[in-house]
Amino acid sequence: MKLVSDYSGLDFLQVQELEVFDFWGFLHDAVVWNLSKTESGRDYLESAFNHAQTEPDREALRARTGG
């Protein structure tokens, strides 16, 4: 709750009154916001993004292999 409160500017009572999907959305954004503050957090977010990809980045592969 504190992380959502810090991120959104809402007080604890307002956070408790959020719809569950709104709370989870704020929580997701708050975690990303909090992790993006440090270099290791940004590395983690980049790694998590890369692991979530299901399609190859064809341009990056072509640039890396030369064709």
C-alpha atoms as a PDB file:
ATOM      1  CA  MET A   1       0.000   0.000   0.000  1.00  0.00           C
ATOM      2  CA  LYS A   2       2.817   2.398   0.823  1.00  0.00           C
ATOM      3  CA  LEU A   3       4.411   1.984  -2.590  1.00  0.00           C
ATOM      4  CA  VAL A   4       1.102   2.724  -4.342  1.00  0.00           C
ATOM      5  CA  SER A   5       0.493   5.655  -2.016  1.00  0.00           C
ATOM      6  CA  ASP A   6       3.952   7.120  -2.659  1.00  0.00           C
ATOM      7  CA  TYR A   7       3.590   6.675  -6.418  1.00  0.00           C
ATOM      8  CA  SER A   8       0.030   7.901  -6.827  1.00  0.00           C
ATOM      9  CA  GLY A   9      -0.104  10.580  -4.142  1.00  0.00           C
ATOM     10  CA  LEU A  10      -3.221   8.994  -2.664  1.00  0.00           C
ATOM     11  CA  ASP A  11      -3.541   8.518   1.080  1.00  0.00           C
ATOM     12  CA  PHE A  12      -3.977   5.015   2.542  1.00  0.00           C
ATOM     13  CA  LEU A  13      -7.762   5.328   2.800  1.00  0.00           C
ATOM     14  CA  GLN A  14      -8.012   6.282  -0.869  1.00  0.00           C
ATOM     15  CA  VAL A  15      -5.729   3.394  -1.816  1.00  0.00           C
ATOM     16  CA  GLN A  16      -7.934   0.974   0.136  1.00  0.00           C
ATOM     17  CA  GLU A  17     -10.999   2.240  -1.725  1.00  0.00           C
ATOM     18  CA  LEU A  18      -9.517   1.617  -5.181  1.00  0.00           C
ATOM     19  CA  GLU A  19     -11.036  -1.049  -7.401  1.00  0.00           C
ATOM     20  CA  VAL A  20      -8.837  -4.139  -7.465  1.00  0.00           C
ATOM     21  CA  PHE A  21      -7.795  -3.682 -11.099  1.00  0.00           C
ATOM     22  CA  ASP A  22      -6.943  -0.024 -10.499  1.00  0.00           C
ATOM     23  CA  PHE A  23      -4.856  -1.044  -7.478  1.00  0.00           C
ATOM     24  CA  TRP A  24      -2.964  -3.693  -9.473  1.00  0.00           C
ATOM     25  CA  GLY A  25      -2.374  -1.197 -12.277  1.00  0.00           C
ATOM     26  CA  PHE A  26      -1.009   1.373  -9.842  1.00  0.00           C
ATOM     27  CA  LEU A  27       1.100  -1.321  -8.166  1.00  0.00           C
ATOM     28  CA  HIS A  28       2.605  -2.394 -11.483  1.00  0.00           C
ATOM     29  CA  ASP A  29       3.433   1.188 -12.423  1.00  0.00           C
ATOM     30  CA  ALA A  30       4.797   1.914  -8.936  1.00  0.00           C
ATOM     31  CA  VAL A  31       7.141  -1.096  -9.049  1.00  0.00           C
ATOM     32  CA  VAL A  32       8.445  -0.071 -12.478  1.00  0.00           C
ATOM     33  CA  TRP A  33       8.842   3.526 -11.283  1.00  0.00           C
ATOM     34  CA  ASN A  34      10.695   2.381  -8.161  1.00  0.00           C
ATOM     35  CA  LEU A  35      13.012   0.012 -10.056  1.00  0.00           C
ATOM     36  CA  SER A  36      13.836   2.621 -12.685  1.00  0.00           C
ATOM     37  CA  LYS A  37      15.505   4.789 -10.049  1.00  0.00           C
ATOM     38  CA  THR A  38      18.656   2.636  -9.855  1.00  0.00           C
ATOM     39  CA  GLU A  39      21.040   1.222 -12.431  1.00  0.00           C
ATOM     40  CA  SER A  40      20.514  -2.344 -11.219  1.00  0.00           C
ATOM     41  CA  GLY A  41      16.750  -1.826 -11.313  1.00  0.00           C
ATOM     42  CA  ARG A  42      16.925  -0.568 -14.889  1.00  0.00           C
ATOM     43  CA  ASP A  43      19.029  -3.608 -15.805  1.00  0.00           C
ATOM     44  CA  TYR A  44      16.402  -5.861 -14.227  1.00  0.00           C
ATOM     45  CA  LEU A  45      13.586  -4.144 -16.125  1.00  0.00           C
ATOM     46  CA  GLU A  46      15.459  -4.460 -19.422  1.00  0.00           C
ATOM     47  CA  SER A  47      16.123  -8.145 -18.756  1.00  0.00           C
ATOM     48  CA  ALA A  48      12.481  -8.752 -17.812  1.00  0.00           C
ATOM     49  CA  PHE A  49      11.338  -6.993 -20.993  1.00  0.00           C
ATOM     50  CA  ASN A  50      13.693  -9.095 -23.121  1.00  0.00           C
ATOM     51  CA  HIS A  51      12.485 -12.329 -21.505  1.00  0.00           C
ATOM     52  CA  ALA A  52       8.863 -11.381 -22.184  1.00  0.00           C
ATOM     53  CA  GLN A  53       9.416 -10.963 -25.927  1.00  0.00           C
ATOM     54  CA  THR A  54       8.010 -13.731 -28.114  1.00  0.00           C
ATOM     55  CA  GLU A  55       9.117 -12.389 -31.500  1.00  0.00           C
ATOM     56  CA  PRO A  56      12.759 -11.859 -32.515  1.00  0.00           C
ATOM     57  CA  ASP A  57      14.062  -8.352 -33.134  1.00  0.00           C
ATOM     58  CA  ARG A  58      14.973  -8.932 -36.759  1.00  0.00           C
ATOM     59  CA  GLU A  59      16.621  -5.525 -37.274  1.00  0.00           C
ATOM     60  CA  ALA A  60      18.923  -5.989 -34.291  1.00  0.00           C
ATOM     61  CA  LEU A  61      19.817  -9.502 -35.459  1.00  0.00           C
ATOM     62  CA  ARG A  62      20.607  -8.272 -38.973  1.00  0.00           C
ATOM     63  CA  ALA A  63      22.752  -5.449 -37.606  1.00  0.00           C
ATOM     64  CA  ARG A  64      24.630  -7.838 -35.350  1.00  0.00           C
ATOM     65  CA  THR A  65      25.270 -10.498 -38.003  1.00  0.00           C
ATOM     66  CA  GLY A  66      25.842  -8.134 -40.895  1.00  0.00           C
ATOM     67  CA  GLY A  67      22.952  -9.161 -43.041  1.00  0.00           C
END
